[in-house]
Amino acid sequence: MNKFKIFLLTCAVVIGSVSCSSKKKERFEWDLFPVPHISHKKYNYGDSVPKYKDKDRKPVSGYIDRDGQLAINLQFDFADEFSGGLARVVTDKKFGFINTNGEFVIKPQFDDAENFGVGDAPLALVKVGDKYGYIDKSGNYAVIPQFDDAGSFTIYFSEVPGKWNYSLAGVKVGDKWGFIDKSGNYVITPQFGMVGSFSEGRALAKVGDKCGYIDETGEMVIAAQFECASEHLGLSVSISEFGEFSGGFACVRVASQPTQIQTPAKLPTKDSIATYPKSWKDFINTYPKSLVAEPKYKYGFIDRTGKFVIEPQFDVAGDFSNGLAAVGFIQNLTVLSMREVSIEESLSKNIPKQIVKWGFINETGRFVINPMFDRVKEFTRVRNTESRLDGQSLAAVVSDEGNAFACGYIDKTGKYVANPQFLTGTYPLMSNESVCNGFSAGGFAYFGSNNRNYSVIDNTGKIIFSYHD
């Protein structure tokens, strides 16, 4: 072999090795977990963007891998989970999208955004100014911003011939909601006061002050007769919506006849008021059942024809997920005696408080996990093949441990797969900043308080990453 050929071969090897070594190994999205996992909602983020920075005004969000090592540097003001290979992030008050290497695929330019859908719905909802539209994964507009409000595209099995795998999104024009397809064409013209997402060929729709269900043509196939899910349930921040069909069932609520709250004959004395109780139970003064108000609503479950298959009997409830539904009962009405310190004087206030215990029922309405938890998340399935929990359905639950609330994770038998661990800021009730998230598809879970003290645990309950401000 002559010297020239040896030179060419050497160059080819060197160039090839440099080229190969310069290529970044593509990460799998389930191997990345955002930290901190801060809840972001377009309804409360508002003008405070970006609100999550450290004391030096530097970005605080990035991504760790399954070993708890920082995989994408802390360079964002907000970072979300990956969906469809991309994740939404916030930089300098604008939303953009990155790939699993942390590289911007769609530069930050939107005033708000939701993650991309999967399967047949790879479009992301974005906001520009005060209008909503949709983009594809190249960042191009699939539907230009033109709506006053909108929801993400959801995929479901359609009953329309030729459209068995179908996606629709709810959009608002003026004060009315309708639905569009992925081309931006109206499938159902705006005519409803409120709509939910389509699932199993049905979507919740509001007519007047009641809600029923429409099909993909906009026809009301289940009469508007139920109380609408127009606000968060006051008894739990975990179950905030209901009414979507899952496994052929949907949770609905009907009005009950509440009685007036009567003033107890004997109010708590000053001595019974504790500013810092040893246990949150010391804060509670319970009164006879005759003095309490009945729940305002009862929750039950209907089938796709609108027939009740589980009669309205629960005080709180959420939709079925992976074969189980979270339901609960109000045990009693209490008066929470608290000391309010004002400029002029220290006053005692009697605040009504409802105590709820959550459990889970199966599709026959039978309890498979008794009501024993103070808060719950729905069951979600772990799909990470590297996790020992692959294929299992898990739920996050919060229970009172006497002096504080503890977050744990159970399987569908009610057995803990990750033992309860204490949350912070829990006196006398769990703080709204306390977070107990369900397991992600990758087999990770997050608990703690928003951007203050939080931990990420793996599928064994081991803490792999912690942050303390």
Protein backbone atom coordinates (compact mmCIF):
# COMPACT_ATOMS: atom_id res chain seq x y z
CA MET A 1 0.00 0.00 0.00
CA ASN A 2 1.60 3.30 -1.07
CA LYS A 3 2.04 6.28 1.22
CA PHE A 4 -0.80 8.22 -0.49
CA LYS A 5 -3.34 5.47 0.15
CA ILE A 6 -2.15 5.17 3.75
CA PHE A 7 -2.60 8.95 4.13
CA LEU A 8 -6.14 8.81 2.71
CA LEU A 9 -7.06 5.86 4.90
CA THR A 10 -5.69 7.60 7.98
CA CYS A 11 -7.63 10.76 7.14
CA ALA A 12 -10.83 8.76 6.63
CA VAL A 13 -10.41 7.03 9.99
CA VAL A 14 -9.66 10.29 11.80
CA ILE A 15 -12.54 12.14 10.14
CA GLY A 16 -14.87 9.25 10.82
CA SER A 17 -13.88 9.02 14.45
CA VAL A 18 -14.28 12.77 14.93
CA SER A 19 -17.64 12.67 13.19
CA CYS A 20 -18.86 9.75 15.26
CA SER A 21 -17.61 11.17 18.54
CA SER A 22 -19.23 14.51 17.79
CA LYS A 23 -22.67 12.95 17.46
CA LYS A 24 -24.72 13.21 20.61
CA LYS A 25 -26.36 10.09 21.87
CA GLU A 26 -30.10 10.52 21.51
CA ARG A 27 -31.78 10.27 24.87
CA PHE A 28 -35.10 8.59 25.40
CA GLU A 29 -37.72 10.99 26.73
CA TRP A 30 -38.71 8.68 29.58
CA ASP A 31 -35.13 8.89 30.86
CA LEU A 32 -35.45 12.62 31.56
CA PHE A 33 -37.32 14.28 34.41
CA PRO A 34 -37.76 18.07 34.78
CA VAL A 35 -36.55 19.71 37.98
CA PRO A 36 -38.21 21.40 39.61
CA HIS A 37 -41.48 19.93 38.36
CA ILE A 38 -43.45 23.14 38.83
CA SER A 39 -47.13 23.19 37.96
CA HIS A 40 -47.81 25.62 35.13
CA LYS A 41 -51.30 26.72 34.16
CA LYS A 42 -52.22 29.48 31.78
CA TYR A 43 -54.85 30.53 34.31
CA ASN A 44 -52.40 31.40 37.07
CA TYR A 45 -49.04 32.04 35.42
CA GLY A 46 -50.18 35.40 34.06
CA ASP A 47 -47.95 38.46 34.05
CA SER A 48 -45.51 36.97 36.55
CA VAL A 49 -43.61 35.07 33.81
CA PRO A 50 -40.87 34.21 34.48
CA LYS A 51 -41.58 33.66 38.18
CA TYR A 52 -39.22 30.74 38.90
CA LYS A 53 -35.70 32.12 39.28
CA ASP A 54 -33.20 31.88 42.10
CA LYS A 55 -32.14 34.73 44.38
CA ASP A 56 -29.70 35.95 41.73
CA ARG A 57 -32.46 35.96 39.10
CA LYS A 58 -30.97 32.98 37.28
CA PRO A 59 -33.09 30.21 35.69
CA VAL A 60 -33.74 27.24 37.95
CA SER A 61 -35.22 24.53 35.71
CA GLY A 62 -33.48 21.72 33.86
CA TYR A 63 -33.60 17.93 33.56
CA ILE A 64 -32.09 14.99 35.44
CA ASP A 65 -31.62 11.42 34.24
CA ARG A 66 -32.69 8.26 36.01
CA ASP A 67 -29.50 8.26 38.07
CA GLY A 68 -30.32 11.68 39.47
CA GLN A 69 -27.55 13.35 37.47
CA LEU A 70 -28.13 16.66 35.73
CA ALA A 71 -28.64 15.82 32.03
CA ILE A 72 -29.80 19.23 30.73
CA ASN A 73 -28.44 22.24 32.59
CA LEU A 74 -30.56 24.57 34.71
CA GLN A 75 -31.16 27.14 32.00
CA PHE A 76 -34.94 27.56 31.80
CA ASP A 77 -37.45 29.50 33.83
CA PHE A 78 -39.88 26.59 33.51
CA ALA A 79 -39.45 23.08 32.11
CA ASP A 80 -42.12 20.45 31.49
CA GLU A 81 -42.16 16.72 30.83
CA PHE A 82 -41.41 15.46 27.34
CA SER A 83 -44.27 14.44 25.06
CA GLY A 84 -43.77 13.17 21.55
CA GLY A 85 -40.02 13.80 21.78
CA LEU A 86 -40.34 17.50 22.64
CA ALA A 87 -40.87 19.48 25.83
CA ARG A 88 -42.13 23.01 26.39
CA VAL A 89 -39.85 25.39 28.27
CA VAL A 90 -39.93 29.07 29.19
CA THR A 91 -37.07 31.49 28.61
CA ASP A 92 -37.39 35.25 29.05
CA LYS A 93 -41.18 35.13 29.28
CA LYS A 94 -41.59 33.12 26.06
CA PHE A 95 -42.42 29.46 25.43
CA GLY A 96 -40.43 27.27 23.08
CA PHE A 97 -39.73 23.55 22.62
CA ILE A 98 -36.54 21.51 23.09
CA ASN A 99 -35.49 18.00 22.12
CA THR A 100 -34.04 15.42 24.51
CA ASN A 101 -30.55 16.87 24.02
CA GLY A 102 -31.74 20.21 25.38
CA GLU A 103 -31.55 21.89 21.97
CA PHE A 104 -34.25 24.30 20.84
CA VAL A 105 -36.27 22.82 18.00
CA ILE A 106 -38.80 25.65 18.18
CA LYS A 107 -37.35 28.86 19.53
CA PRO A 108 -39.08 30.68 22.43
CA GLN A 109 -41.68 32.95 20.85
CA PHE A 110 -45.11 32.14 22.32
CA ASP A 111 -46.91 33.78 25.22
CA ASP A 112 -48.26 30.40 26.33
CA ALA A 113 -48.17 26.82 25.08
CA GLU A 114 -49.17 23.26 25.85
CA ASN A 115 -47.13 20.14 25.13
CA PHE A 116 -47.45 18.27 21.85
CA GLY A 117 -49.95 15.46 21.58
CA VAL A 118 -48.96 11.95 20.57
CA GLY A 119 -50.13 9.52 17.90
CA ASP A 120 -52.54 11.18 15.50
CA ALA A 121 -52.50 14.49 17.40
CA PRO A 122 -48.92 15.88 17.14
CA LEU A 123 -50.03 19.51 17.38
CA ALA A 124 -49.39 21.91 20.25
CA LEU A 125 -51.71 24.64 21.48
CA VAL A 126 -49.99 28.05 21.58
CA LYS A 127 -50.98 31.58 22.51
CA VAL A 128 -49.83 34.72 20.72
CA GLY A 129 -51.07 37.93 22.27
CA ASP A 130 -54.63 37.14 23.34
CA LYS A 131 -55.38 34.53 20.65
CA TYR A 132 -54.87 30.75 20.52
CA GLY A 133 -53.77 28.57 17.61
CA TYR A 134 -51.81 25.38 16.91
CA ILE A 135 -48.33 24.54 15.61
CA ASP A 136 -46.70 21.41 14.23
CA LYS A 137 -43.35 20.00 15.36
CA SER A 138 -41.50 22.23 12.93
CA GLY A 139 -42.94 25.29 14.61
CA ASN A 140 -45.15 26.13 11.64
CA TYR A 141 -48.76 27.12 12.20
CA ALA A 142 -51.20 24.31 11.47
CA VAL A 143 -54.01 26.61 12.63
CA ILE A 144 -53.21 30.31 12.96
CA PRO A 145 -54.01 31.99 16.31
CA GLN A 146 -57.61 33.18 16.07
CA PHE A 147 -59.54 31.77 19.05
CA ASP A 148 -60.39 33.46 22.34
CA ASP A 149 -59.61 30.25 24.22
CA ALA A 150 -58.88 26.68 23.22
CA GLY A 151 -58.00 23.20 24.40
CA SER A 152 -55.48 20.67 23.19
CA PHE A 153 -56.25 18.07 20.52
CA THR A 154 -57.20 14.72 21.99
CA ILE A 155 -57.19 11.42 20.15
CA TYR A 156 -59.95 8.86 20.54
CA PHE A 157 -61.73 6.07 18.73
CA SER A 158 -64.39 7.59 16.53
CA GLU A 159 -67.72 6.05 15.58
CA VAL A 160 -67.68 7.94 12.27
CA PRO A 161 -66.85 5.53 9.41
CA GLY A 162 -63.33 6.08 8.12
CA LYS A 163 -62.32 8.14 11.15
CA TRP A 164 -61.70 5.49 13.76
CA ASN A 165 -58.52 7.25 14.95
CA TYR A 166 -59.69 10.84 15.25
CA SER A 167 -58.64 14.12 16.89
CA LEU A 168 -60.69 17.18 17.79
CA ALA A 169 -60.00 20.28 19.87
CA GLY A 170 -62.43 22.55 21.68
CA VAL A 171 -62.19 26.23 20.73
CA LYS A 172 -63.92 29.35 22.01
CA VAL A 173 -65.16 32.23 19.88
CA GLY A 174 -66.73 35.03 21.87
CA ASP A 175 -68.56 33.25 24.68
CA LYS A 176 -69.35 30.02 22.80
CA TRP A 177 -67.40 26.78 22.39
CA GLY A 178 -67.22 24.40 19.44
CA PHE A 179 -64.75 21.92 17.94
CA ILE A 180 -62.27 21.97 15.05
CA ASP A 181 -60.24 19.29 13.28
CA LYS A 182 -56.47 19.46 12.75
CA SER A 183 -56.92 21.53 9.59
CA GLY A 184 -58.74 24.21 11.57
CA ASN A 185 -62.11 23.42 10.01
CA TYR A 186 -65.18 23.55 12.24
CA VAL A 187 -66.61 20.11 12.88
CA ILE A 188 -69.03 21.53 15.46
CA THR A 189 -69.74 25.27 15.27
CA PRO A 190 -69.37 27.27 18.51
CA GLN A 191 -72.71 27.03 20.31
CA PHE A 192 -72.08 25.72 23.84
CA GLY A 193 -71.34 27.53 27.07
CA MET A 194 -68.57 25.08 27.95
CA VAL A 195 -67.16 21.84 26.55
CA GLY A 196 -64.90 19.04 27.71
CA SER A 197 -62.56 16.89 25.65
CA PHE A 198 -63.84 14.14 23.39
CA SER A 199 -63.33 10.62 24.70
CA GLU A 200 -64.97 7.45 23.45
CA GLY A 201 -67.13 9.45 21.04
CA ARG A 202 -68.62 11.74 23.70
CA ALA A 203 -67.83 15.22 25.00
CA LEU A 204 -69.31 17.16 27.90
CA ALA A 205 -71.21 20.24 26.71
CA LYS A 206 -73.04 22.97 28.60
CA VAL A 207 -76.50 24.18 27.54
CA GLY A 208 -78.01 26.80 29.79
CA ASP A 209 -76.91 25.94 33.31
CA LYS A 210 -76.76 22.16 32.82
CA CYS A 211 -74.37 19.76 31.11
CA GLY A 212 -74.96 16.76 28.88
CA TYR A 213 -72.99 14.95 26.19
CA ILE A 214 -72.66 15.48 22.44
CA ASP A 215 -71.35 13.20 19.73
CA GLU A 216 -68.94 14.15 16.92
CA THR A 217 -71.72 15.77 14.90
CA GLY A 218 -72.66 18.10 17.76
CA GLU A 219 -75.91 16.27 18.50
CA MET A 220 -76.87 16.11 22.18
CA VAL A 221 -76.99 12.34 22.70
CA ILE A 222 -77.26 12.54 26.51
CA ALA A 223 -79.60 15.31 27.63
CA ALA A 224 -78.21 18.29 29.53
CA GLN A 225 -79.31 17.29 33.03
CA PHE A 226 -76.15 17.20 35.14
CA GLU A 227 -74.35 19.81 37.20
CA CYS A 228 -71.39 21.13 35.21
CA ALA A 229 -67.77 20.76 36.22
CA SER A 230 -67.12 24.47 35.97
CA GLU A 231 -64.73 24.85 38.88
CA HIS A 232 -62.18 22.95 40.90
CA LEU A 233 -63.54 20.69 43.58
CA GLY A 234 -63.04 22.57 46.80
CA LEU A 235 -62.34 19.41 48.76
CA SER A 236 -59.27 18.25 46.85
CA VAL A 237 -56.80 19.89 44.54
CA SER A 238 -55.95 16.48 43.13
CA ILE A 239 -59.24 15.68 41.38
CA SER A 240 -60.12 18.92 39.61
CA GLU A 241 -62.12 17.69 36.63
CA PHE A 242 -64.56 14.93 35.82
CA GLY A 243 -66.96 13.97 33.08
CA GLU A 244 -64.77 12.23 30.48
CA PHE A 245 -65.66 8.71 29.43
CA SER A 246 -63.19 5.98 30.28
CA GLY A 247 -63.94 2.29 29.89
CA GLY A 248 -67.52 3.17 28.96
CA PHE A 249 -68.21 5.18 32.14
CA ALA A 250 -68.24 8.88 33.01
CA CYS A 251 -68.52 10.56 36.40
CA VAL A 252 -71.39 13.05 36.72
CA ARG A 253 -72.85 15.02 39.56
CA VAL A 254 -76.40 15.89 40.52
CA ALA A 255 -77.65 18.46 42.99
CA SER A 256 -78.67 17.39 46.45
CA GLN A 257 -80.68 19.43 48.93
CA PRO A 258 -78.31 21.02 51.42
CA THR A 259 -79.53 22.07 54.84
CA GLN A 260 -78.51 25.28 56.55
CA ILE A 261 -75.54 25.23 58.90
CA GLN A 262 -76.73 25.84 62.46
CA THR A 263 -74.68 27.70 65.03
CA PRO A 264 -73.37 25.28 67.68
CA ALA A 265 -74.90 25.81 71.12
CA LYS A 266 -71.44 26.04 72.64
CA LEU A 267 -68.60 27.64 70.74
CA PRO A 268 -64.99 26.67 71.42
CA THR A 269 -63.49 28.48 74.39
CA LYS A 270 -60.40 30.61 74.14
CA ASP A 271 -58.43 27.89 75.90
CA SER A 272 -59.17 25.45 73.09
CA ILE A 273 -57.51 27.68 70.51
CA ALA A 274 -53.93 26.72 69.76
CA THR A 275 -51.78 28.83 67.50
CA TYR A 276 -49.28 26.01 66.85
CA PRO A 277 -50.88 22.65 67.70
CA LYS A 278 -48.87 19.51 68.27
CA SER A 279 -51.14 17.79 65.80
CA TRP A 280 -53.52 19.26 63.26
CA LYS A 281 -56.30 17.26 64.95
CA ASP A 282 -55.88 19.55 67.99
CA PHE A 283 -57.15 22.35 65.78
CA ILE A 284 -60.47 20.62 65.12
CA ASN A 285 -63.67 20.91 67.14
CA THR A 286 -66.28 18.46 65.87
CA TYR A 287 -70.02 19.01 66.29
CA PRO A 288 -73.01 16.64 66.14
CA LYS A 289 -74.18 15.54 62.71
CA SER A 290 -77.47 17.39 63.21
CA LEU A 291 -75.51 20.63 63.05
CA VAL A 292 -73.75 20.00 59.75
CA ALA A 293 -74.73 20.76 56.18
CA GLU A 294 -75.36 18.00 53.71
CA PRO A 295 -73.04 17.92 50.69
CA LYS A 296 -74.16 20.16 47.84
CA TYR A 297 -73.74 17.45 45.21
CA LYS A 298 -73.74 13.69 44.83
CA TYR A 299 -71.58 11.90 42.29
CA GLY A 300 -72.35 8.78 40.28
CA PHE A 301 -71.38 7.15 36.99
CA ILE A 302 -73.28 6.81 33.71
CA ASP A 303 -72.72 4.68 30.62
CA ARG A 304 -72.59 6.00 27.06
CA THR A 305 -76.38 6.02 26.80
CA GLY A 306 -76.70 8.27 29.87
CA LYS A 307 -78.01 5.50 32.15
CA PHE A 308 -76.69 5.39 35.69
CA VAL A 309 -74.62 2.25 36.24
CA ILE A 310 -73.40 3.45 39.67
CA GLU A 311 -76.03 5.57 41.41
CA PRO A 312 -75.13 9.04 42.75
CA GLN A 313 -73.95 8.32 46.28
CA PHE A 314 -70.49 9.81 46.69
CA ASP A 315 -69.68 13.24 48.11
CA VAL A 316 -66.68 13.65 45.79
CA ALA A 317 -65.45 11.61 42.83
CA GLY A 318 -63.26 11.57 39.73
CA ASP A 319 -63.34 9.67 36.45
CA PHE A 320 -62.22 6.09 36.01
CA SER A 321 -58.57 5.57 35.17
CA ASN A 322 -57.04 2.15 34.56
CA GLY A 323 -60.21 0.47 35.87
CA LEU A 324 -60.52 2.35 39.16
CA ALA A 325 -62.14 5.65 40.17
CA ALA A 326 -61.32 7.84 43.17
CA VAL A 327 -64.38 8.58 45.33
CA GLY A 328 -64.82 10.00 48.78
CA PHE A 329 -67.15 10.85 51.62
CA ILE A 330 -67.45 13.89 53.86
CA GLN A 331 -67.16 12.50 57.35
CA ASN A 332 -68.41 15.57 59.18
CA LEU A 333 -68.35 19.33 59.24
CA THR A 334 -65.91 20.88 61.67
CA VAL A 335 -65.05 24.30 62.93
CA LEU A 336 -61.40 25.11 62.56
CA SER A 337 -60.46 27.58 65.31
CA MET A 338 -57.64 29.80 64.16
CA ARG A 339 -55.96 32.87 65.59
CA GLU A 340 -55.94 35.81 63.22
CA VAL A 341 -53.51 38.54 64.18
CA SER A 342 -54.44 42.04 63.05
CA ILE A 343 -52.90 45.43 63.71
CA GLU A 344 -55.40 46.23 66.46
CA GLU A 345 -56.06 42.93 68.19
CA SER A 346 -55.88 39.16 68.09
CA LEU A 347 -59.20 37.56 67.14
CA SER A 348 -60.58 34.04 67.08
CA LYS A 349 -62.32 32.88 63.91
CA ASN A 350 -64.57 29.88 63.42
CA ILE A 351 -64.10 28.53 59.90
CA PRO A 352 -66.23 25.69 58.52
CA LYS A 353 -64.08 22.87 57.19
CA GLN A 354 -65.09 19.62 55.52
CA ILE A 355 -63.06 16.51 56.16
CA VAL A 356 -62.98 14.03 53.28
CA LYS A 357 -61.59 10.52 53.06
CA TRP A 358 -60.83 9.09 49.62
CA GLY A 359 -60.79 5.52 48.37
CA PHE A 360 -61.14 3.70 45.06
CA ILE A 361 -64.00 1.71 43.50
CA ASN A 362 -64.08 -0.67 40.57
CA GLU A 363 -66.54 -0.59 37.68
CA THR A 364 -69.21 -2.40 39.70
CA GLY A 365 -69.16 0.37 42.31
CA ARG A 366 -67.51 -1.86 44.92
CA PHE A 367 -64.68 -0.45 47.04
CA VAL A 368 -61.41 -2.20 46.33
CA ILE A 369 -59.44 0.32 48.41
CA ASN A 370 -61.36 1.68 51.40
CA PRO A 371 -61.69 5.43 52.01
CA MET A 372 -58.67 6.20 54.16
CA PHE A 373 -56.66 8.87 52.36
CA ASP A 374 -56.83 12.65 52.68
CA ARG A 375 -55.91 13.30 49.05
CA VAL A 376 -55.36 11.11 46.03
CA LYS A 377 -54.27 11.17 42.41
CA GLU A 378 -55.77 8.96 39.72
CA PHE A 379 -54.06 5.71 38.77
CA THR A 380 -51.51 6.06 35.97
CA ARG A 381 -49.63 3.33 34.16
CA VAL A 382 -45.83 3.10 34.21
CA ARG A 383 -44.63 2.24 30.71
CA ASN A 384 -40.89 2.28 31.22
CA THR A 385 -39.51 -1.17 30.36
CA GLU A 386 -36.43 -0.51 32.54
CA SER A 387 -38.61 -0.02 35.59
CA ARG A 388 -39.56 -2.89 37.87
CA LEU A 389 -43.00 -1.28 37.86
CA ASP A 390 -43.41 -1.52 34.07
CA GLY A 391 -47.06 -2.13 33.23
CA GLN A 392 -48.28 -1.44 36.76
CA SER A 393 -50.87 1.21 37.56
CA LEU A 394 -49.95 3.41 40.51
CA ALA A 395 -51.60 6.26 42.40
CA ALA A 396 -50.21 8.95 44.66
CA VAL A 397 -51.97 9.21 48.02
CA VAL A 398 -51.63 11.52 51.01
CA SER A 399 -52.44 10.39 54.53
CA ASP A 400 -52.44 12.06 57.94
CA GLU A 401 -49.66 10.70 60.11
CA GLY A 402 -50.59 12.65 63.25
CA ASN A 403 -48.14 15.53 63.10
CA ALA A 404 -47.93 15.96 59.34
CA PHE A 405 -49.15 14.67 56.02
CA ALA A 406 -47.20 11.99 54.19
CA CYS A 407 -47.11 11.23 50.47
CA GLY A 408 -46.90 7.63 49.29
CA TYR A 409 -47.67 5.51 46.23
CA ILE A 410 -49.96 2.50 46.04
CA ASP A 411 -50.78 -0.18 43.49
CA LYS A 412 -54.30 -1.26 42.54
CA THR A 413 -54.56 -3.56 45.56
CA GLY A 414 -53.86 -0.67 47.93
CA LYS A 415 -50.35 -1.91 48.74
CA TYR A 416 -47.61 0.70 49.07
CA VAL A 417 -44.91 0.40 46.42
CA ALA A 418 -43.23 3.52 47.82
CA ASN A 419 -43.73 4.12 51.53
CA PRO A 420 -45.22 7.41 52.77
CA GLN A 421 -42.75 10.26 53.16
CA PHE A 422 -43.50 13.53 54.90
CA LEU A 423 -44.34 16.70 53.04
CA THR A 424 -43.31 20.13 54.22
CA GLY A 425 -45.49 22.98 55.41
CA THR A 426 -48.39 20.81 56.56
CA TYR A 427 -49.80 22.49 59.68
CA PRO A 428 -52.68 22.53 60.26
CA LEU A 429 -53.64 21.27 56.82
CA MET A 430 -51.49 20.39 53.86
CA SER A 431 -50.25 23.56 52.17
CA ASN A 432 -51.45 24.32 48.66
CA GLU A 433 -47.78 24.50 47.73
CA SER A 434 -47.25 20.90 48.81
CA VAL A 435 -47.05 18.56 45.85
CA CYS A 436 -47.51 14.81 45.67
CA ASN A 437 -47.39 13.88 42.00
CA GLY A 438 -48.21 10.49 40.54
CA PHE A 439 -45.56 8.36 38.86
CA SER A 440 -44.61 9.39 35.35
CA ALA A 441 -44.51 6.90 32.50
CA GLY A 442 -40.75 6.74 33.06
CA GLY A 443 -41.18 5.50 36.62
CA PHE A 444 -40.34 8.68 38.54
CA ALA A 445 -42.39 10.71 41.00
CA TYR A 446 -42.04 14.16 42.51
CA PHE A 447 -43.09 15.43 45.92
CA GLY A 448 -42.37 18.43 48.10
CA SER A 449 -43.22 22.10 47.66
CA ASN A 450 -43.13 24.19 44.52
CA ASN A 451 -39.58 25.40 43.85
CA ARG A 452 -38.63 25.35 47.54
CA ASN A 453 -38.03 21.90 48.92
CA TYR A 454 -38.73 18.98 46.64
CA SER A 455 -37.44 15.52 45.87
CA VAL A 456 -37.59 13.10 42.96
CA ILE A 457 -37.96 9.43 43.83
CA ASP A 458 -37.44 6.36 41.66
CA ASN A 459 -39.69 3.32 41.48
CA THR A 460 -38.31 1.92 44.74
CA GLY A 461 -39.11 5.06 46.70
CA LYS A 462 -35.45 6.04 46.86
CA ILE A 463 -34.72 9.76 46.64
CA ILE A 464 -32.48 10.34 43.64
CA PHE A 465 -32.56 14.14 43.57
CA SER A 466 -33.39 16.84 46.12
CA TYR A 467 -33.51 20.61 46.06
CA HIS A 468 -33.64 23.01 49.01
CA ASP A 469 -33.73 26.77 48.63
